[in-house]
Amino acid sequence: MRPPSPRPLAPLWQRLLAFAVAATVLVASPPLWATVLLTSAAMGVIFAGPAIAARRRRARASAVEPGAATVLGTDQDGAPVALTDGQLEAHTVIVGASGSGKSTTMLRILADQIVGGKGVVAIDMKGSPAFAAQLAHAARQAGKPFYLWSPDGPAVWNPLAYGNPTELKDKIMSMERFTEIHYQRAAERYLQTVLQALERARSPDRAPTLGDVVELLDPARLEGFLRATPPEFADRVQRYLGELTLDQLSAIRGLGTRLAIITEAHTGQYLGAPVLEGRAQAVSSQPASELDLRAALRGEQIVLFSLNSSSYGKLAAQLEALVLRDLITAVGERTADPAARHPAMVALDEFSASEDDQVLGLQARCRESCIGFAVASQEPTDFDRVARGLLNQVIGNTAVKIAHRLDVPSSAQLIADIAGTETVWEETHQVQRHPLFGARISGRSTARQVERYIVHPNVIKSLPTGRAVVITKVPQTRMRIVDIDAPAAPSTPGHSPGGLAPGPRIGLSGQTRSLSPGRGGQQRHPASPQPRRFGRQRPRRLPASGRDGPGLG
């Protein structure tokens, strides 16, 4: 528990008024009982006033309708701090050094959204088992199925299950980087032709898979596959294949080789149900169960993509690009159908391990569809590493900024600049030096208005674990320093809140896998005691307008 903050004094004008009343009573020499009564009232204004005001603030903060806001934790006065659904739908960015508590903050938001009945799709680039266990626990509390997809399985996800050939082509190409635009265009055209052939040849209830596409990236196999397509389409494709140049064939074979690295690896069997049919029958008598991003956005599933970038590197980056592109398509479908806009949240944890700039497009689509989006990274500069200017766009498109400890001075300075400054009165006293009594205040002083940081960069650089600067820009700019409450720990094995089987639902139908649960009960990050200040004291500053500047209410 954080040690209680010192009791704040009443405003200066209240203290002066109280002492004036008491002095008047003493000078007038009224009866003893009146003196005692008025003096007690004056003392109550001085000492009880701040406590009453604090209780009123806590009552207002706790009066939030359940499910309408996410309580992050408490501020320095002990009052709860909550983010409304409107603020979360305007998007959130979380930054902080490794071990500062940003993943806990992300989990706090996501767990509350899940328990509140909202759909959640999360991407964890660290592949943390603890992160998955927390979301699985929240899904059990909400009574919803939880799907954990990772390159190691066993859950199945087909990224090509939805979309027309053009959309599917864009999904696949999002994983690739070409140095020459000529080769990129050649590969795109051939890939789109393959997807058109699959669309015309397959049955309506069977979606193509990445494995199907890789098979047909060989022109000889595509030529044989054309027998299953309408004659007019087959004739057009035959003419196109006959006109391919050596450079174009080289680009096509290069794309096929790179995609085959994914489909022929152990991960390929988890990227589409048809590839997994034989393995599914060997493991379970029931058919393979697939996660569905659209069902998750409708609130029917809770989905986590756990991509361990430390173990899989390039593969994790390619899979992340595929997930982001599928999400952009799914969110875009909601824009065209307002009736399908169930409240939902999309989150990306550990952007520092990302290599894709599609996050900006996803932000824009989520805003149009009333979906909250949250992204967390170690340093603000991680965004500019992926794409020049991305940091400024992310900051401009997020209404909630949460900053844990930032050790890089320029990063702390950036957050302080975002929080802004306040106008205060700075009072400077003249000091006289006496040969016998030393330096002493002469009694003469000057006052002037100055601008100061609402939160100083040094404060941001010294935040203890679990404490964060929370800046909200809607409905008005406000800054608070908050001790983040950790989400409730997963229950012990054998206990299944909500009537679901223990452990997350992450694989084939009828199978579950339990992740290591933590201890029960809520956790709080202990607050470090404030350091004592030594050296020359700073000039005393008085509020310019009777309060401690804007944004601190």
Protein backbone atom coordinates (compact mmCIF):
# COMPACT_ATOMS: atom_id res chain seq x y z
CA MET A 1 0.00 0.00 0.00
CA ARG A 2 1.14 3.52 -0.74
CA PRO A 3 1.80 5.58 2.42
CA PRO A 4 -0.93 8.18 2.95
CA SER A 5 -0.24 11.61 1.50
CA PRO A 6 0.17 14.50 3.94
CA ARG A 7 -3.14 16.13 4.77
CA PRO A 8 -3.45 19.21 2.54
CA LEU A 9 -4.17 22.56 4.16
CA ALA A 10 -7.20 24.62 3.31
CA PRO A 11 -6.74 27.42 0.76
CA LEU A 12 -5.00 30.52 2.09
CA TRP A 13 -8.15 32.67 2.02
CA GLN A 14 -10.04 30.14 4.16
CA ARG A 15 -7.28 30.05 6.77
CA LEU A 16 -7.09 33.85 6.93
CA LEU A 17 -10.86 34.11 7.27
CA ALA A 18 -10.91 31.55 10.06
CA PHE A 19 -8.18 33.30 12.04
CA ALA A 20 -9.90 36.67 11.49
CA VAL A 21 -13.14 35.32 12.90
CA ALA A 22 -11.34 33.85 15.90
CA ALA A 23 -9.48 37.11 16.54
CA THR A 24 -12.68 39.12 16.32
CA VAL A 25 -14.34 36.81 18.82
CA LEU A 26 -11.47 37.18 21.29
CA VAL A 27 -11.36 40.98 20.97
CA ALA A 28 -15.12 41.35 21.42
CA SER A 29 -14.96 39.19 24.60
CA PRO A 30 -18.31 37.42 24.11
CA PRO A 31 -19.60 34.77 26.51
CA LEU A 32 -17.34 31.75 26.93
CA TRP A 33 -19.73 29.37 25.18
CA ALA A 34 -19.83 31.56 22.06
CA THR A 35 -16.07 31.84 21.99
CA VAL A 36 -15.69 28.07 22.15
CA LEU A 37 -18.35 27.55 19.47
CA LEU A 38 -16.88 30.03 16.98
CA THR A 39 -13.32 28.89 17.60
CA SER A 40 -14.33 25.25 17.00
CA ALA A 41 -16.02 26.25 13.75
CA ALA A 42 -12.89 28.08 12.62
CA MET A 43 -10.69 25.09 13.40
CA GLY A 44 -13.11 22.85 11.52
CA VAL A 45 -12.73 24.96 8.40
CA ILE A 46 -8.94 24.65 8.62
CA PHE A 47 -8.64 20.92 9.32
CA ALA A 48 -11.91 19.28 8.25
CA GLY A 49 -12.46 21.23 5.02
CA PRO A 50 -9.83 19.40 2.94
CA ALA A 51 -11.03 16.00 4.20
CA ILE A 52 -14.62 16.82 3.23
CA ALA A 53 -13.49 17.99 -0.21
CA ALA A 54 -11.47 14.81 -0.71
CA ARG A 55 -14.47 12.66 0.23
CA ARG A 56 -16.60 14.54 -2.27
CA ARG A 57 -14.01 13.97 -5.02
CA ARG A 58 -13.90 10.25 -4.25
CA ALA A 59 -17.69 10.05 -4.23
CA ARG A 60 -17.90 11.72 -7.65
CA ALA A 61 -15.23 9.42 -9.09
CA SER A 62 -16.81 6.25 -7.68
CA ALA A 63 -20.27 7.27 -8.92
CA VAL A 64 -19.37 6.08 -12.44
CA GLU A 65 -21.93 3.66 -13.81
CA PRO A 66 -20.54 0.07 -13.80
CA GLY A 67 -19.37 -0.94 -17.27
CA ALA A 68 -19.27 2.65 -18.48
CA ALA A 69 -15.67 3.31 -17.39
CA THR A 70 -12.45 1.49 -16.57
CA VAL A 71 -10.96 2.34 -13.17
CA LEU A 72 -7.17 2.42 -13.56
CA GLY A 73 -6.24 3.05 -9.93
CA THR A 74 -6.01 5.97 -7.53
CA ASP A 75 -4.41 9.39 -7.75
CA GLN A 76 -2.16 11.04 -5.17
CA ASP A 77 -5.22 12.11 -3.12
CA GLY A 78 -6.57 8.55 -2.99
CA ALA A 79 -9.40 9.28 -5.44
CA PRO A 80 -10.21 6.65 -8.11
CA VAL A 81 -9.15 7.51 -11.66
CA ALA A 82 -11.31 6.12 -14.46
CA LEU A 83 -11.26 6.18 -18.26
CA THR A 84 -14.68 6.40 -19.88
CA ASP A 85 -15.68 4.37 -22.91
CA GLY A 86 -15.68 7.58 -24.93
CA GLN A 87 -12.07 8.26 -23.98
CA LEU A 88 -10.98 4.70 -24.80
CA GLU A 89 -12.76 4.84 -28.16
CA ALA A 90 -10.64 7.90 -28.93
CA HIS A 91 -7.59 5.58 -28.58
CA THR A 92 -4.80 5.13 -26.07
CA VAL A 93 -1.00 5.02 -26.20
CA ILE A 94 1.04 3.58 -23.32
CA VAL A 95 4.81 4.05 -23.02
CA GLY A 96 7.30 3.04 -20.38
CA ALA A 97 10.69 1.47 -19.85
CA SER A 98 11.01 -2.29 -19.47
CA GLY A 99 9.61 -3.38 -16.10
CA SER A 100 7.83 -0.09 -15.42
CA GLY A 101 4.34 -1.64 -15.49
CA LYS A 102 2.94 -0.79 -18.93
CA SER A 103 1.77 -4.37 -19.65
CA THR A 104 -0.05 -4.37 -16.30
CA THR A 105 -1.78 -1.15 -17.34
CA MET A 106 -2.75 -2.68 -20.67
CA LEU A 107 -4.11 -5.77 -18.90
CA ARG A 108 -6.05 -3.60 -16.48
CA ILE A 109 -7.84 -1.93 -19.39
CA LEU A 110 -8.45 -5.12 -21.38
CA ALA A 111 -9.64 -7.20 -18.42
CA ASP A 112 -12.16 -4.53 -17.46
CA GLN A 113 -13.41 -4.32 -21.04
CA ILE A 114 -13.87 -8.10 -21.19
CA VAL A 115 -15.73 -8.30 -17.89
CA GLY A 116 -17.89 -5.40 -19.09
CA GLY A 117 -19.11 -7.51 -22.03
CA LYS A 118 -17.01 -5.99 -24.81
CA GLY A 119 -15.18 -7.91 -27.50
CA VAL A 120 -11.38 -7.88 -27.34
CA VAL A 121 -8.69 -8.75 -29.87
CA ALA A 122 -5.14 -8.39 -28.54
CA ILE A 123 -1.68 -8.89 -30.04
CA ASP A 124 1.18 -9.60 -27.63
CA MET A 125 4.57 -9.38 -29.32
CA LYS A 126 6.31 -10.71 -26.19
CA GLY A 127 4.37 -13.97 -26.11
CA SER A 128 3.93 -13.69 -22.34
CA PRO A 129 2.14 -16.65 -20.65
CA ALA A 130 1.14 -14.34 -17.77
CA PHE A 131 -0.53 -11.96 -20.23
CA ALA A 132 -2.51 -14.86 -21.72
CA ALA A 133 -3.48 -16.18 -18.28
CA GLN A 134 -4.89 -12.81 -17.23
CA LEU A 135 -7.03 -12.47 -20.36
CA ALA A 136 -8.22 -16.08 -20.03
CA HIS A 137 -9.26 -15.37 -16.44
CA ALA A 138 -11.22 -12.29 -17.51
CA ALA A 139 -12.89 -14.29 -20.31
CA ARG A 140 -14.00 -16.93 -17.80
CA GLN A 141 -15.46 -14.22 -15.60
CA ALA A 142 -17.41 -12.88 -18.58
CA GLY A 143 -18.50 -16.37 -19.66
CA LYS A 144 -16.90 -16.10 -23.10
CA PRO A 145 -14.65 -18.53 -25.02
CA PHE A 146 -10.98 -17.54 -25.10
CA TYR A 147 -8.75 -18.32 -28.07
CA LEU A 148 -4.97 -18.10 -27.82
CA TRP A 149 -3.21 -18.31 -31.18
CA SER A 150 0.55 -18.67 -31.40
CA PRO A 151 3.02 -20.00 -33.98
CA ASP A 152 3.20 -23.18 -31.87
CA GLY A 153 -0.56 -23.85 -31.98
CA PRO A 154 -2.75 -25.65 -31.32
CA ALA A 155 -5.46 -23.08 -32.14
CA VAL A 156 -6.27 -22.61 -35.85
CA TRP A 157 -6.67 -19.28 -37.65
CA ASN A 158 -7.28 -18.88 -41.36
CA PRO A 159 -6.31 -15.32 -42.37
CA LEU A 160 -7.89 -15.88 -45.81
CA ALA A 161 -11.31 -16.92 -44.51
CA TYR A 162 -12.91 -13.56 -45.40
CA GLY A 163 -12.51 -11.16 -48.27
CA ASN A 164 -12.56 -10.94 -52.05
CA PRO A 165 -9.44 -11.71 -54.14
CA THR A 166 -8.22 -8.11 -53.97
CA GLU A 167 -8.51 -7.96 -50.17
CA LEU A 168 -6.83 -11.35 -49.78
CA LYS A 169 -4.03 -10.26 -52.10
CA ASP A 170 -3.41 -7.19 -49.94
CA LYS A 171 -3.30 -9.36 -46.80
CA ILE A 172 -0.63 -11.61 -48.23
CA MET A 173 1.41 -8.78 -49.74
CA SER A 174 1.43 -6.98 -46.37
CA MET A 175 3.95 -9.60 -45.19
CA GLU A 176 6.39 -8.87 -48.00
CA ARG A 177 8.85 -6.07 -48.75
CA PHE A 178 10.12 -5.50 -52.31
CA THR A 179 13.06 -3.30 -53.20
CA GLU A 180 11.91 -2.94 -56.83
CA ILE A 181 8.35 -1.83 -57.63
CA HIS A 182 8.52 -3.74 -60.95
CA TYR A 183 8.88 -7.09 -59.16
CA GLN A 184 6.20 -6.14 -56.63
CA ARG A 185 3.63 -5.39 -59.33
CA ALA A 186 4.42 -8.62 -61.17
CA ALA A 187 3.99 -10.67 -57.99
CA GLU A 188 0.76 -8.83 -57.07
CA ARG A 189 -0.86 -9.47 -60.44
CA TYR A 190 -0.03 -13.17 -60.42
CA LEU A 191 -1.16 -13.54 -56.79
CA GLN A 192 -4.49 -11.89 -57.56
CA THR A 193 -4.95 -14.25 -60.52
CA VAL A 194 -4.35 -17.25 -58.24
CA LEU A 195 -6.94 -16.01 -55.74
CA GLN A 196 -9.47 -15.42 -58.53
CA ALA A 197 -8.92 -18.99 -59.72
CA LEU A 198 -9.45 -20.35 -56.21
CA GLU A 199 -12.63 -18.29 -55.86
CA ARG A 200 -14.09 -19.69 -59.09
CA ALA A 201 -13.10 -23.29 -58.42
CA ARG A 202 -13.84 -23.80 -54.72
CA SER A 203 -17.15 -24.72 -53.13
CA PRO A 204 -18.98 -21.85 -51.38
CA ASP A 205 -18.41 -23.30 -47.90
CA ARG A 206 -14.63 -23.71 -48.27
CA ALA A 207 -12.30 -20.73 -47.92
CA PRO A 208 -8.81 -20.78 -49.46
CA THR A 209 -5.78 -21.16 -47.22
CA LEU A 210 -2.25 -19.87 -47.41
CA GLY A 211 -1.15 -23.40 -48.29
CA ASP A 212 -3.51 -23.45 -51.28
CA VAL A 213 -2.04 -20.18 -52.53
CA VAL A 214 1.55 -21.40 -52.23
CA GLU A 215 0.70 -24.51 -54.27
CA LEU A 216 -0.56 -22.38 -57.16
CA LEU A 217 2.35 -19.93 -57.12
CA ASP A 218 3.96 -22.46 -59.48
CA PRO A 219 2.68 -21.49 -62.99
CA ALA A 220 2.68 -25.14 -64.13
CA ARG A 221 0.36 -26.15 -61.29
CA LEU A 222 -1.89 -23.15 -61.89
CA GLU A 223 -2.22 -24.16 -65.54
CA GLY A 224 -3.44 -27.60 -64.51
CA PHE A 225 -5.78 -26.13 -61.87
CA LEU A 226 -7.54 -24.01 -64.53
CA ARG A 227 -9.50 -27.10 -65.65
CA ALA A 228 -11.73 -26.57 -62.59
CA THR A 229 -12.55 -22.97 -63.54
CA PRO A 230 -15.00 -21.54 -66.12
CA PRO A 231 -13.67 -21.71 -69.72
CA GLU A 232 -13.67 -17.94 -70.29
CA PHE A 233 -11.59 -17.34 -67.19
CA ALA A 234 -9.26 -20.24 -68.02
CA ASP A 235 -8.59 -18.88 -71.53
CA ARG A 236 -7.71 -15.41 -70.19
CA VAL A 237 -5.31 -16.84 -67.61
CA GLN A 238 -3.69 -19.12 -70.21
CA ARG A 239 -2.89 -16.09 -72.37
CA TYR A 240 -1.50 -14.24 -69.32
CA LEU A 241 0.75 -17.18 -68.39
CA GLY A 242 2.10 -17.35 -71.91
CA GLU A 243 3.14 -13.67 -71.79
CA LEU A 244 5.14 -13.85 -68.54
CA THR A 245 8.75 -12.68 -68.90
CA LEU A 246 11.75 -14.16 -67.14
CA ASP A 247 11.88 -11.24 -64.69
CA GLN A 248 8.21 -11.68 -63.85
CA LEU A 249 8.62 -15.42 -63.36
CA SER A 250 11.56 -14.72 -61.06
CA ALA A 251 9.42 -12.37 -58.92
CA ILE A 252 6.60 -14.94 -58.75
CA ARG A 253 8.90 -17.79 -57.75
CA GLY A 254 10.57 -15.56 -55.15
CA LEU A 255 7.20 -14.78 -53.56
CA GLY A 256 6.29 -18.46 -53.57
CA THR A 257 9.57 -19.39 -51.88
CA ARG A 258 9.14 -16.81 -49.12
CA LEU A 259 5.54 -17.85 -48.40
CA ALA A 260 6.51 -21.52 -48.46
CA ILE A 261 8.91 -20.84 -45.58
CA ILE A 262 5.82 -20.09 -43.48
CA THR A 263 3.46 -22.81 -44.74
CA GLU A 264 6.08 -25.57 -44.67
CA ALA A 265 7.21 -24.66 -41.14
CA HIS A 266 5.44 -26.06 -38.09
CA THR A 267 3.29 -22.89 -38.03
CA GLY A 268 1.71 -23.63 -41.42
CA GLN A 269 -0.66 -26.25 -40.02
CA TYR A 270 -2.24 -23.62 -37.75
CA LEU A 271 -2.98 -21.18 -40.60
CA GLY A 272 -6.06 -22.89 -42.02
CA ALA A 273 -8.38 -25.77 -41.12
CA PRO A 274 -7.97 -27.82 -44.35
CA VAL A 275 -4.22 -28.17 -43.78
CA LEU A 276 -4.92 -29.41 -40.27
CA GLU A 277 -7.65 -31.94 -41.05
CA GLY A 278 -5.46 -35.04 -40.78
CA ARG A 279 -3.78 -33.90 -37.55
CA ALA A 280 -7.11 -32.86 -36.06
CA GLN A 281 -8.58 -36.32 -36.56
CA ALA A 282 -5.51 -37.89 -34.99
CA VAL A 283 -5.81 -35.70 -31.89
CA SER A 284 -9.56 -35.40 -31.47
CA SER A 285 -12.66 -37.00 -32.91
CA GLN A 286 -14.22 -33.53 -33.23
CA PRO A 287 -13.46 -31.09 -36.10
CA ALA A 288 -10.91 -28.32 -35.66
CA SER A 289 -12.22 -25.19 -33.96
CA GLU A 290 -11.13 -21.88 -35.50
CA LEU A 291 -10.99 -18.46 -33.95
CA ASP A 292 -12.83 -15.72 -35.80
CA LEU A 293 -11.83 -12.06 -35.60
CA ARG A 294 -15.28 -10.92 -36.70
CA ALA A 295 -16.92 -12.96 -33.96
CA ALA A 296 -14.50 -11.42 -31.48
CA LEU A 297 -15.41 -7.89 -32.59
CA ARG A 298 -19.07 -8.85 -32.11
CA GLY A 299 -18.27 -9.79 -28.52
CA GLU A 300 -18.67 -13.56 -29.04
CA GLN A 301 -14.99 -14.47 -28.49
CA ILE A 302 -11.90 -13.14 -26.76
CA VAL A 303 -8.85 -13.54 -29.00
CA LEU A 304 -5.15 -13.17 -28.22
CA PHE A 305 -2.35 -13.51 -30.77
CA SER A 306 0.75 -14.39 -28.77
CA LEU A 307 3.71 -13.81 -31.10
CA ASN A 308 7.02 -14.37 -29.36
CA SER A 309 9.24 -11.98 -31.30
CA SER A 310 12.28 -13.01 -29.25
CA SER A 311 12.03 -16.61 -30.47
CA TYR A 312 10.62 -16.15 -33.96
CA GLY A 313 11.87 -12.73 -35.08
CA LYS A 314 11.06 -12.39 -38.78
CA LEU A 315 8.19 -14.89 -38.62
CA ALA A 316 6.55 -12.97 -35.77
CA ALA A 317 6.80 -9.74 -37.78
CA GLN A 318 5.20 -11.39 -40.84
CA LEU A 319 2.39 -12.87 -38.76
CA GLU A 320 1.78 -9.52 -37.07
CA ALA A 321 1.40 -7.85 -40.47
CA LEU A 322 -1.08 -10.55 -41.48
CA VAL A 323 -3.11 -10.09 -38.28
CA LEU A 324 -3.17 -6.30 -38.63
CA ARG A 325 -4.32 -6.51 -42.25
CA ASP A 326 -7.08 -8.99 -41.34
CA LEU A 327 -8.16 -6.69 -38.50
CA ILE A 328 -8.27 -3.67 -40.82
CA THR A 329 -10.54 -5.62 -43.17
CA ALA A 330 -12.78 -6.85 -40.34
CA VAL A 331 -13.09 -3.39 -38.80
CA GLY A 332 -13.84 -1.92 -42.22
CA GLU A 333 -16.77 -4.32 -42.63
CA ARG A 334 -18.27 -2.92 -39.42
CA THR A 335 -18.12 0.59 -40.87
CA ALA A 336 -20.44 -0.46 -43.69
CA ASP A 337 -22.89 -2.10 -41.26
CA PRO A 338 -23.75 0.21 -38.32
CA ALA A 339 -26.03 -2.47 -36.83
CA ALA A 340 -22.99 -4.71 -36.23
CA ARG A 341 -21.10 -2.16 -34.12
CA HIS A 342 -20.86 -4.06 -30.87
CA PRO A 343 -18.50 -2.30 -28.39
CA ALA A 344 -15.01 -3.74 -28.83
CA MET A 345 -11.34 -3.12 -28.08
CA VAL A 346 -8.21 -3.84 -30.13
CA ALA A 347 -4.79 -3.77 -28.45
CA LEU A 348 -1.15 -4.15 -29.49
CA ASP A 349 1.35 -4.73 -26.70
CA GLU A 350 5.11 -4.23 -27.16
CA PHE A 351 5.17 -2.25 -30.39
CA SER A 352 8.94 -2.01 -29.93
CA ALA A 353 9.13 -5.52 -31.43
CA SER A 354 7.01 -4.53 -34.43
CA GLU A 355 8.20 -3.82 -37.96
CA ASP A 356 4.89 -2.76 -39.48
CA ASP A 357 3.33 0.68 -39.91
CA GLN A 358 -0.22 -0.59 -40.51
CA VAL A 359 -1.05 0.45 -36.95
CA LEU A 360 -1.98 3.92 -38.23
CA GLY A 361 -4.48 2.53 -40.73
CA LEU A 362 -5.97 0.34 -38.02
CA GLN A 363 -6.30 3.36 -35.73
CA ALA A 364 -8.25 5.26 -38.37
CA ARG A 365 -10.57 2.34 -39.13
CA CYS A 366 -11.23 1.72 -35.43
CA ARG A 367 -12.19 5.34 -34.88
CA GLU A 368 -14.73 5.19 -37.72
CA SER A 369 -16.24 1.99 -36.28
CA CYS A 370 -16.34 3.14 -32.61
CA ILE A 371 -13.73 0.57 -31.57
CA GLY A 372 -11.17 1.45 -28.93
CA PHE A 373 -7.52 0.94 -29.86
CA ALA A 374 -4.58 0.80 -27.45
CA VAL A 375 -0.89 0.43 -28.28
CA ALA A 376 2.00 0.03 -25.83
CA SER A 377 5.72 0.48 -26.46
CA GLN A 378 8.91 0.95 -24.47
CA GLU A 379 9.96 4.26 -26.01
CA PRO A 380 8.09 6.85 -28.09
CA THR A 381 10.94 6.72 -30.63
CA ASP A 382 9.99 3.10 -31.45
CA PHE A 383 7.22 4.47 -33.68
CA ASP A 384 9.59 6.59 -35.77
CA ARG A 385 11.91 3.58 -36.12
CA VAL A 386 9.17 1.77 -38.02
CA ALA A 387 8.20 4.75 -40.20
CA ARG A 388 9.31 8.36 -40.24
CA GLY A 389 6.66 10.64 -38.74
CA LEU A 390 4.65 7.75 -37.26
CA LEU A 391 5.20 9.01 -33.68
CA ASN A 392 3.56 12.37 -34.35
CA GLN A 393 0.61 10.69 -36.04
CA VAL A 394 0.11 8.24 -33.17
CA ILE A 395 0.24 11.08 -30.63
CA GLY A 396 -2.18 13.14 -32.70
CA ASN A 397 -4.64 10.24 -33.05
CA THR A 398 -4.78 9.22 -29.38
CA ALA A 399 -6.79 11.03 -26.71
CA VAL A 400 -5.31 9.13 -23.75
CA LYS A 401 -1.56 9.09 -23.07
CA ILE A 402 -0.24 6.92 -20.23
CA ALA A 403 3.46 7.23 -19.42
CA HIS A 404 5.28 5.03 -16.94
CA ARG A 405 8.93 5.61 -16.08
CA LEU A 406 10.95 6.84 -19.07
CA ASP A 407 14.71 6.79 -18.61
CA VAL A 408 15.60 8.58 -21.86
CA PRO A 409 15.57 12.34 -21.13
CA SER A 410 14.11 13.30 -24.52
CA SER A 411 11.20 10.86 -24.03
CA ALA A 412 10.42 12.28 -20.58
CA GLN A 413 10.62 15.77 -22.06
CA LEU A 414 8.13 14.79 -24.77
CA ILE A 415 5.54 13.61 -22.23
CA ALA A 416 6.02 16.76 -20.15
CA ASP A 417 5.46 18.86 -23.28
CA ILE A 418 2.26 16.94 -24.05
CA ALA A 419 0.96 17.55 -20.52
CA GLY A 420 1.64 21.26 -21.02
CA THR A 421 2.42 24.13 -18.68
CA GLU A 422 0.54 26.26 -16.16
CA THR A 423 0.82 29.92 -15.21
CA VAL A 424 1.77 30.48 -11.56
CA TRP A 425 3.01 33.30 -9.37
CA GLU A 426 6.64 32.98 -8.36
CA GLU A 427 7.53 34.87 -5.19
CA THR A 428 11.19 35.82 -4.65
CA HIS A 429 12.42 37.04 -1.24
CA GLN A 430 15.42 39.28 -0.68
CA VAL A 431 18.08 37.85 1.61
CA GLN A 432 20.31 39.99 3.84
CA ARG A 433 23.67 38.76 5.10
CA HIS A 434 24.63 39.77 8.63
CA PRO A 435 28.19 39.26 9.94
CA LEU A 436 26.85 37.78 13.20
CA PHE A 437 23.49 36.21 12.31
CA GLY A 438 24.25 35.06 8.75
CA ALA A 439 21.73 35.16 5.92
CA ARG A 440 18.13 35.98 6.72
CA ILE A 441 15.03 37.11 4.83
CA SER A 442 14.76 40.88 4.79
CA GLY A 443 10.97 40.93 4.59
CA ARG A 444 10.93 42.41 1.09
CA SER A 445 9.82 40.28 -1.84
CA THR A 446 8.71 40.43 -5.48
CA ALA A 447 6.19 38.32 -7.37
CA ARG A 448 5.89 37.58 -11.08
CA GLN A 449 3.93 35.24 -13.31
CA VAL A 450 5.89 32.33 -14.82
CA GLU A 451 5.15 29.20 -16.86
CA ARG A 452 6.05 25.84 -15.35
CA TYR A 453 5.51 22.20 -16.35
CA ILE A 454 2.36 20.60 -15.01
CA VAL A 455 4.49 17.47 -14.59
CA HIS A 456 8.25 17.95 -14.69
CA PRO A 457 10.42 15.61 -16.82
CA ASN A 458 12.38 14.64 -13.69
CA VAL A 459 9.16 13.32 -12.15
CA ILE A 460 8.56 11.12 -15.20
CA LYS A 461 12.14 9.78 -15.07
CA SER A 462 11.76 8.77 -11.40
CA LEU A 463 8.30 7.16 -11.38
CA PRO A 464 8.27 3.89 -9.38
CA THR A 465 6.97 0.67 -10.92
CA GLY A 466 3.20 0.71 -11.24
CA ARG A 467 2.83 4.49 -11.14
CA ALA A 468 2.07 6.45 -14.30
CA VAL A 469 1.29 9.89 -15.63
CA VAL A 470 -2.19 9.77 -17.20
CA ILE A 471 -3.03 12.54 -19.66
CA THR A 472 -6.53 12.74 -21.14
CA LYS A 473 -7.44 15.15 -23.93
CA VAL A 474 -11.22 14.59 -24.03
CA PRO A 475 -13.55 16.07 -22.97
CA GLN A 476 -10.83 18.42 -21.65
CA THR A 477 -7.10 18.26 -21.01
CA ARG A 478 -6.29 16.75 -17.63
CA MET A 479 -3.17 15.25 -16.04
CA ARG A 480 -2.98 12.96 -13.02
CA ILE A 481 -0.32 10.76 -11.46
CA VAL A 482 -1.94 7.38 -10.85
CA ASP A 483 -1.00 4.22 -8.98
CA ILE A 484 -2.27 1.52 -11.36
CA ASP A 485 -4.21 -1.37 -9.81
CA ALA A 486 -3.16 -4.76 -11.17
CA PRO A 487 -6.06 -6.84 -12.56
CA ALA A 488 -7.42 -9.68 -10.46
CA ALA A 489 -5.08 -12.67 -10.52
CA PRO A 490 -6.23 -15.88 -12.27
CA SER A 491 -8.06 -18.32 -10.04
CA THR A 492 -6.43 -21.49 -8.82
CA PRO A 493 -6.79 -24.69 -10.90
CA GLY A 494 -10.11 -26.41 -10.41
CA HIS A 495 -12.05 -23.21 -9.87
CA SER A 496 -13.85 -21.98 -12.96
CA PRO A 497 -15.74 -18.70 -12.60
CA GLY A 498 -18.61 -18.32 -15.00
CA GLY A 499 -19.11 -22.07 -15.38
CA LEU A 500 -16.33 -22.54 -17.96
CA ALA A 501 -13.62 -25.14 -17.86
CA PRO A 502 -10.44 -24.07 -16.09
CA GLY A 503 -7.73 -22.61 -18.29
CA PRO A 504 -8.03 -20.81 -21.61
CA ARG A 505 -9.80 -22.38 -24.56
CA ILE A 506 -6.95 -22.41 -27.04
CA GLY A 507 -7.10 -25.47 -29.20
CA LEU A 508 -9.28 -28.09 -30.81
CA SER A 509 -12.89 -28.43 -29.77
CA GLY A 510 -13.24 -30.30 -26.52
CA GLN A 511 -9.66 -29.57 -25.48
CA THR A 512 -8.34 -26.97 -23.07
CA ARG A 513 -4.94 -26.00 -21.79
CA SER A 514 -4.41 -24.33 -18.43
CA LEU A 515 -1.75 -21.70 -17.98
CA SER A 516 0.03 -21.21 -14.69
CA PRO A 517 -2.28 -19.08 -12.52
CA GLY A 518 -1.09 -16.48 -10.08
CA ARG A 519 -2.15 -15.91 -6.52
CA GLY A 520 -5.72 -14.77 -5.90
CA GLY A 521 -6.74 -11.28 -4.95
CA GLN A 522 -5.91 -7.91 -6.36
CA GLN A 523 -2.39 -6.63 -6.41
CA ARG A 524 -1.16 -3.12 -5.86
CA HIS A 525 2.22 -1.73 -6.69
CA PRO A 526 3.79 -0.24 -3.56
CA ALA A 527 4.63 3.41 -3.90
CA SER A 528 8.15 4.49 -3.14
CA PRO A 529 8.52 7.16 -0.47
CA GLN A 530 9.22 10.62 -1.81
CA PRO A 531 12.92 11.54 -1.58
CA ARG A 532 13.92 14.29 0.80
CA ARG A 533 15.21 17.42 -0.91
CA PHE A 534 18.60 18.86 0.03
CA GLY A 535 20.50 21.92 -1.11
CA ARG A 536 19.20 25.35 -1.92
CA GLN A 537 15.44 25.61 -1.74
CA ARG A 538 13.51 26.69 -4.80
CA PRO A 539 11.56 29.98 -4.67
CA ARG A 540 8.08 29.55 -3.23
CA ARG A 541 5.40 29.70 -5.90
CA LEU A 542 1.83 30.81 -5.40
CA PRO A 543 -1.04 29.73 -7.69
CA ALA A 544 -1.97 32.43 -10.14
CA SER A 545 -5.73 32.04 -9.85
CA GLY A 546 -6.39 30.38 -6.51
CA ARG A 547 -5.74 26.84 -7.77
CA ASP A 548 -2.82 24.72 -8.72
CA GLY A 549 -3.03 25.44 -12.41
CA PRO A 550 -5.17 23.86 -15.15
CA GLY A 551 -5.55 20.12 -15.51
CA LEU A 552 -4.88 19.16 -11.90
CA GLY A 553 -8.41 18.98 -10.63
